[in-house]
C-alpha atoms as a PDB file:
ATOM      1  CA  MET A   1     -14.149   8.545   6.314  1.00  0.00           C
ATOM      2  CA  ILE A   2     -16.591  11.972   7.254  1.00  0.00           C
ATOM      3  CA  GLY A   3     -15.425  14.891   4.818  1.00  0.00           C
ATOM      4  CA  ALA A   4     -12.284  15.270   3.607  1.00  0.00           C
ATOM      5  CA  CYS A   5     -10.459  16.598   6.503  1.00  0.00           C
ATOM      6  CA  GLY A   6      -9.988  13.351   8.147  1.00  0.00           C
ATOM      7  CA  LYS A   7     -13.463  14.044  10.366  1.00  0.00           C
ATOM      8  CA  GLY A   8     -14.769  11.306  11.487  1.00  0.00           C
ATOM      9  CA  LEU A   9     -11.936   8.783  11.488  1.00  0.00           C
ATOM     10  CA  ALA A  10     -10.330   7.017  15.087  1.00  0.00           C
ATOM     11  CA  ARG A  11      -7.566   7.685  16.603  1.00  0.00           C
ATOM     12  CA  GLY A  12      -5.185   4.504  17.824  1.00  0.00           C
ATOM     13  CA  GLY A  13      -3.380   1.561  16.883  1.00  0.00           C
ATOM     14  CA  SER A  14      -4.960  -1.169  15.081  1.00  0.00           C
ATOM     15  CA  GLY A  15      -7.594  -2.853  16.855  1.00  0.00           C
ATOM     16  CA  SER A  16      -9.051   0.695  16.727  1.00  0.00           C
ATOM     17  CA  GLN A  17     -12.807   1.322  16.286  1.00  0.00           C
ATOM     18  CA  ARG A  18     -14.216   3.210  13.304  1.00  0.00           C
ATOM     19  CA  LYS A  19     -18.119   3.872  12.943  1.00  0.00           C
ATOM     20  CA  GLY A  20     -18.674   0.314  14.130  1.00  0.00           C
ATOM     21  CA  SER A  21     -15.718  -1.583  11.937  1.00  0.00           C
ATOM     22  CA  TRP A  22     -12.745  -2.971  13.446  1.00  0.00           C
ATOM     23  CA  VAL A  23      -9.092  -2.118  11.571  1.00  0.00           C
ATOM     24  CA  THR A  24      -8.830  -5.208   9.038  1.00  0.00           C
ATOM     25  CA  THR A  25      -5.547  -7.261   8.697  1.00  0.00           C
ATOM     26  CA  LYS A  26      -6.459  -6.758   5.169  1.00  0.00           C
ATOM     27  CA  ASP A  27      -6.293  -2.734   6.696  1.00  0.00           C
ATOM     28  CA  ARG A  28      -2.916  -2.592   7.813  1.00  0.00           C
ATOM     29  CA  ILE A  29      -1.779  -3.915   4.995  1.00  0.00           C
ATOM     30  CA  ILE A  30      -3.195  -1.618   2.720  1.00  0.00           C
ATOM     31  CA  SER A  31      -1.689   1.113   5.210  1.00  0.00           C
ATOM     32  CA  ALA A  32       2.003  -0.231   5.032  1.00  0.00           C
ATOM     33  CA  LEU A  33       1.536  -0.995   1.158  1.00  0.00           C
ATOM     34  CA  THR A  34       0.397   2.349   0.924  1.00  0.00           C
ATOM     35  CA  GLN A  35       3.548   3.864   3.092  1.00  0.00           C
ATOM     36  CA  TYR A  36       6.106   1.424   1.346  1.00  0.00           C
ATOM     37  CA  ASP A  37       5.159   3.071  -2.323  1.00  0.00           C
ATOM     38  CA  ALA A  38       5.584   6.647  -0.734  1.00  0.00           C
ATOM     39  CA  LYS A  39       8.726   5.716   0.217  1.00  0.00           C
ATOM     40  CA  GLN A  40       9.651   4.076  -3.045  1.00  0.00           C
ATOM     41  CA  ALA A  41       8.417   7.453  -5.065  1.00  0.00           C
ATOM     42  CA  LYS A  42      10.823   9.619  -2.785  1.00  0.00           C
ATOM     43  CA  ARG A  43      13.338   7.690  -3.992  1.00  0.00           C
ATOM     44  CA  GLY A  44      13.242   8.287  -7.220  1.00  0.00           C
ATOM     45  CA  ARG A  45      14.872   5.563  -8.687  1.00  0.00           C
ATOM     46  CA  GLN A  46      12.686   4.634 -11.759  1.00  0.00           C
ATOM     47  CA  HIS A  47       9.412   3.981  -9.362  1.00  0.00           C
ATOM     48  CA  ASN A  48       6.950   2.554 -11.346  1.00  0.00           C
ATOM     49  CA  PRO A  49       4.009   4.363 -11.097  1.00  0.00           C
ATOM     50  CA  TYR A  50       1.655   1.368 -11.160  1.00  0.00           C
ATOM     51  CA  ALA A  51       3.190  -0.214  -8.007  1.00  0.00           C
ATOM     52  CA  LEU A  52       0.883   0.562  -5.980  1.00  0.00           C
ATOM     53  CA  GLY A  53      -2.415  -0.769  -7.755  1.00  0.00           C
ATOM     54  CA  LEU A  54      -0.078  -4.180  -8.229  1.00  0.00           C
ATOM     55  CA  TYR A  55       0.715  -4.275  -4.714  1.00  0.00           C
ATOM     56  CA  PHE A  56      -3.646  -4.158  -3.951  1.00  0.00           C
ATOM     57  CA  GLU A  57      -4.067  -6.801  -5.934  1.00  0.00           C
ATOM     58  CA  ALA A  58      -1.304  -8.781  -5.012  1.00  0.00           C
ATOM     59  CA  ALA A  59      -3.318  -8.296  -1.022  1.00  0.00           C
ATOM     60  CA  ASP A  60      -6.313  -9.164  -2.835  1.00  0.00           C
ATOM     61  CA  ARG A  61      -5.545 -12.098  -3.985  1.00  0.00           C
ATOM     62  CA  ALA A  62      -3.803 -13.252  -0.560  1.00  0.00           C
ATOM     63  CA  GLU A  63      -7.200 -12.174   0.910  1.00  0.00           C
ATOM     64  CA  ALA A  64      -9.109 -14.654  -0.708  1.00  0.00           C
ATOM     65  CA  LEU A  65      -6.474 -17.236   0.063  1.00  0.00           C
ATOM     66  CA  VAL A  66      -7.557 -16.505   3.259  1.00  0.00           C
ATOM     67  CA  LYS A  67     -11.213 -17.352   2.758  1.00  0.00           C
ATOM     68  CA  GLU A  68     -10.525 -20.285   1.419  1.00  0.00           C
ATOM     69  CA  GLY A  69      -9.087 -21.573   4.623  1.00  0.00           C
ATOM     70  CA  LYS A  70      -5.159 -20.716   4.303  1.00  0.00           C
ATOM     71  CA  THR A  71      -3.271 -18.465   7.087  1.00  0.00           C
ATOM     72  CA  TRP A  72      -2.690 -14.342   6.511  1.00  0.00           C
ATOM     73  CA  GLU A  73       0.919 -15.808   6.563  1.00  0.00           C
ATOM     74  CA  GLN A  74       0.814 -18.684   4.133  1.00  0.00           C
ATOM     75  CA  ALA A  75      -1.250 -16.426   1.869  1.00  0.00           C
ATOM     76  CA  LEU A  76       1.260 -13.163   1.899  1.00  0.00           C
ATOM     77  CA  HIS A  77       3.716 -16.049   1.483  1.00  0.00           C
ATOM     78  CA  ALA A  78       2.312 -17.014  -1.925  1.00  0.00           C
ATOM     79  CA  CYS A  79       1.361 -13.283  -3.153  1.00  0.00           C
ATOM     80  CA  PHE A  80       4.419 -11.035  -1.979  1.00  0.00           C
ATOM     81  CA  ASN A  81       8.035 -11.617  -1.842  1.00  0.00           C
ATOM     82  CA  ASP A  82      12.052 -10.224  -0.350  1.00  0.00           C
ATOM     83  CA  ARG A  83      11.744  -6.264   0.703  1.00  0.00           C
ATOM     84  CA  LEU A  84       7.701  -6.488   0.441  1.00  0.00           C
ATOM     85  CA  LEU A  85       6.953  -9.895   2.139  1.00  0.00           C
ATOM     86  CA  ASP A  86       8.552  -8.270   5.388  1.00  0.00           C
ATOM     87  CA  VAL A  87       6.755  -5.024   4.905  1.00  0.00           C
ATOM     88  CA  VAL A  88       3.135  -6.812   4.978  1.00  0.00           C
ATOM     89  CA  LEU A  89       4.493  -9.880   7.528  1.00  0.00           C
ATOM     90  CA  LYS A  90       4.813  -6.889  10.037  1.00  0.00           C
ATOM     91  CA  ALA A  91       1.843  -5.338   9.425  1.00  0.00           C
ATOM     92  CA  ALA A  92       0.250  -8.520   9.079  1.00  0.00           C
ATOM     93  CA  LYS A  93       0.713  -8.959  13.070  1.00  0.00           C
END
């Protein structure tokens, strides 16, 4: 990303090219987790301010499992559950 105004960001959906690199599955998962956390924060009911960091740690664990040879679906099932699992599985497709 160039500058604070978003200059240099790619336009388009998944698979968009950003300065010579591709949007990865983990990028899409991180984006979905961030959006999910923002929606939960707006609801306000006892939102955990540390939740996003925990979600990112789980995404890192899932990525490590993929590097060990598991599929993204298997890795996500091992690291997430309930509604959050649905969110990340949708993002991984």
